Amino acid sequence: MQASQAVARSYADIISSPNIAELVAASVTLADPAPLPDDPVRPKPMLYLLLAGILGLV
């Protein structure tokens, strides 16, 4: 019980530290840019109605 409290206190001290940016070093790189869709995305009510009907019968 005391060990878990010590870990929790240590974690809280680190998180509440004003220099958290210095403690956490992270870098983000873009692997591949996302392709733009050819057609706009829109709802497909007939497909959804058909799927709902099939699932409703099961």
C-alpha atoms as a PDB file:
ATOM      1  CA  MET A   1       0.000   0.000   0.000  1.00  0.00           C
ATOM      2  CA  GLN A   2       2.781   2.446   0.894  1.00  0.00           C
ATOM      3  CA  ALA A   3       4.736   1.611  -2.236  1.00  0.00           C
ATOM      4  CA  SER A   4       1.765   2.406  -4.467  1.00  0.00           C
ATOM      5  CA  GLN A   5       1.212   5.690  -2.637  1.00  0.00           C
ATOM      6  CA  ALA A   6       4.866   6.605  -3.145  1.00  0.00           C
ATOM      7  CA  VAL A   7       4.605   5.853  -6.848  1.00  0.00           C
ATOM      8  CA  ALA A   8       1.412   7.892  -7.104  1.00  0.00           C
ATOM      9  CA  ARG A   9       3.024  10.843  -5.304  1.00  0.00           C
ATOM     10  CA  SER A  10       6.099  10.674  -7.531  1.00  0.00           C
ATOM     11  CA  TYR A  11       3.951  10.576 -10.630  1.00  0.00           C
ATOM     12  CA  ALA A  12       1.853  13.511  -9.398  1.00  0.00           C
ATOM     13  CA  ASP A  13       5.002  15.515  -8.636  1.00  0.00           C
ATOM     14  CA  ILE A  14       6.349  14.927 -12.134  1.00  0.00           C
ATOM     15  CA  ILE A  15       3.055  15.735 -13.861  1.00  0.00           C
ATOM     16  CA  SER A  16       2.480  18.904 -11.857  1.00  0.00           C
ATOM     17  CA  SER A  17       6.049  20.064 -12.446  1.00  0.00           C
ATOM     18  CA  PRO A  18       6.279  23.399 -14.312  1.00  0.00           C
ATOM     19  CA  ASN A  19       9.159  21.998 -16.387  1.00  0.00           C
ATOM     20  CA  ILE A  20       7.165  19.091 -17.812  1.00  0.00           C
ATOM     21  CA  ALA A  21       8.206  20.071 -21.354  1.00  0.00           C
ATOM     22  CA  GLU A  22      11.820  19.418 -20.432  1.00  0.00           C
ATOM     23  CA  LEU A  23      10.983  15.977 -19.043  1.00  0.00           C
ATOM     24  CA  VAL A  24       9.001  14.758 -22.012  1.00  0.00           C
ATOM     25  CA  ALA A  25      10.900  14.710 -25.283  1.00  0.00           C
ATOM     26  CA  ALA A  26       8.735  13.808 -28.234  1.00  0.00           C
ATOM     27  CA  SER A  27       9.017  14.267 -31.937  1.00  0.00           C
ATOM     28  CA  VAL A  28       6.358  13.781 -34.555  1.00  0.00           C
ATOM     29  CA  THR A  29       7.098  12.990 -38.167  1.00  0.00           C
ATOM     30  CA  LEU A  30       4.728  12.682 -41.084  1.00  0.00           C
ATOM     31  CA  ALA A  31       5.113   9.277 -42.715  1.00  0.00           C
ATOM     32  CA  ASP A  32       2.839   9.808 -45.735  1.00  0.00           C
ATOM     33  CA  PRO A  33       0.465  12.670 -46.434  1.00  0.00           C
ATOM     34  CA  ALA A  34      -3.195  11.688 -46.463  1.00  0.00           C
ATOM     35  CA  PRO A  35      -4.651  11.491 -49.962  1.00  0.00           C
ATOM     36  CA  LEU A  36      -7.579  13.746 -50.803  1.00  0.00           C
ATOM     37  CA  PRO A  37     -10.785  11.886 -51.697  1.00  0.00           C
ATOM     38  CA  ASP A  38     -11.940  12.032 -55.324  1.00  0.00           C
ATOM     39  CA  ASP A  39     -15.624  12.284 -54.432  1.00  0.00           C
ATOM     40  CA  PRO A  40     -17.205  13.981 -51.434  1.00  0.00           C
ATOM     41  CA  VAL A  41     -18.221  11.649 -48.641  1.00  0.00           C
ATOM     42  CA  ARG A  42     -21.956  11.456 -48.167  1.00  0.00           C
ATOM     43  CA  PRO A  43     -24.451   9.275 -46.323  1.00  0.00           C
ATOM     44  CA  LYS A  44     -25.744   6.221 -48.158  1.00  0.00           C
ATOM     45  CA  PRO A  45     -29.293   5.866 -46.815  1.00  0.00           C
ATOM     46  CA  MET A  46     -30.279   2.970 -49.073  1.00  0.00           C
ATOM     47  CA  LEU A  47     -27.250   0.924 -48.002  1.00  0.00           C
ATOM     48  CA  TYR A  48     -27.869   1.702 -44.325  1.00  0.00           C
ATOM     49  CA  LEU A  49     -31.554   0.808 -44.673  1.00  0.00           C
ATOM     50  CA  LEU A  50     -30.676  -2.484 -46.322  1.00  0.00           C
ATOM     51  CA  LEU A  51     -28.106  -3.347 -43.623  1.00  0.00           C
ATOM     52  CA  ALA A  52     -30.530  -2.392 -40.854  1.00  0.00           C
ATOM     53  CA  GLY A  53     -33.200  -4.621 -42.383  1.00  0.00           C
ATOM     54  CA  ILE A  54     -30.845  -7.569 -42.651  1.00  0.00           C
ATOM     55  CA  LEU A  55     -29.531  -7.111 -39.116  1.00  0.00           C
ATOM     56  CA  GLY A  56     -33.076  -6.661 -37.819  1.00  0.00           C
ATOM     57  CA  LEU A  57     -34.013 -10.082 -39.135  1.00  0.00           C
ATOM     58  CA  VAL A  58     -31.123 -11.812 -37.404  1.00  0.00           C
END
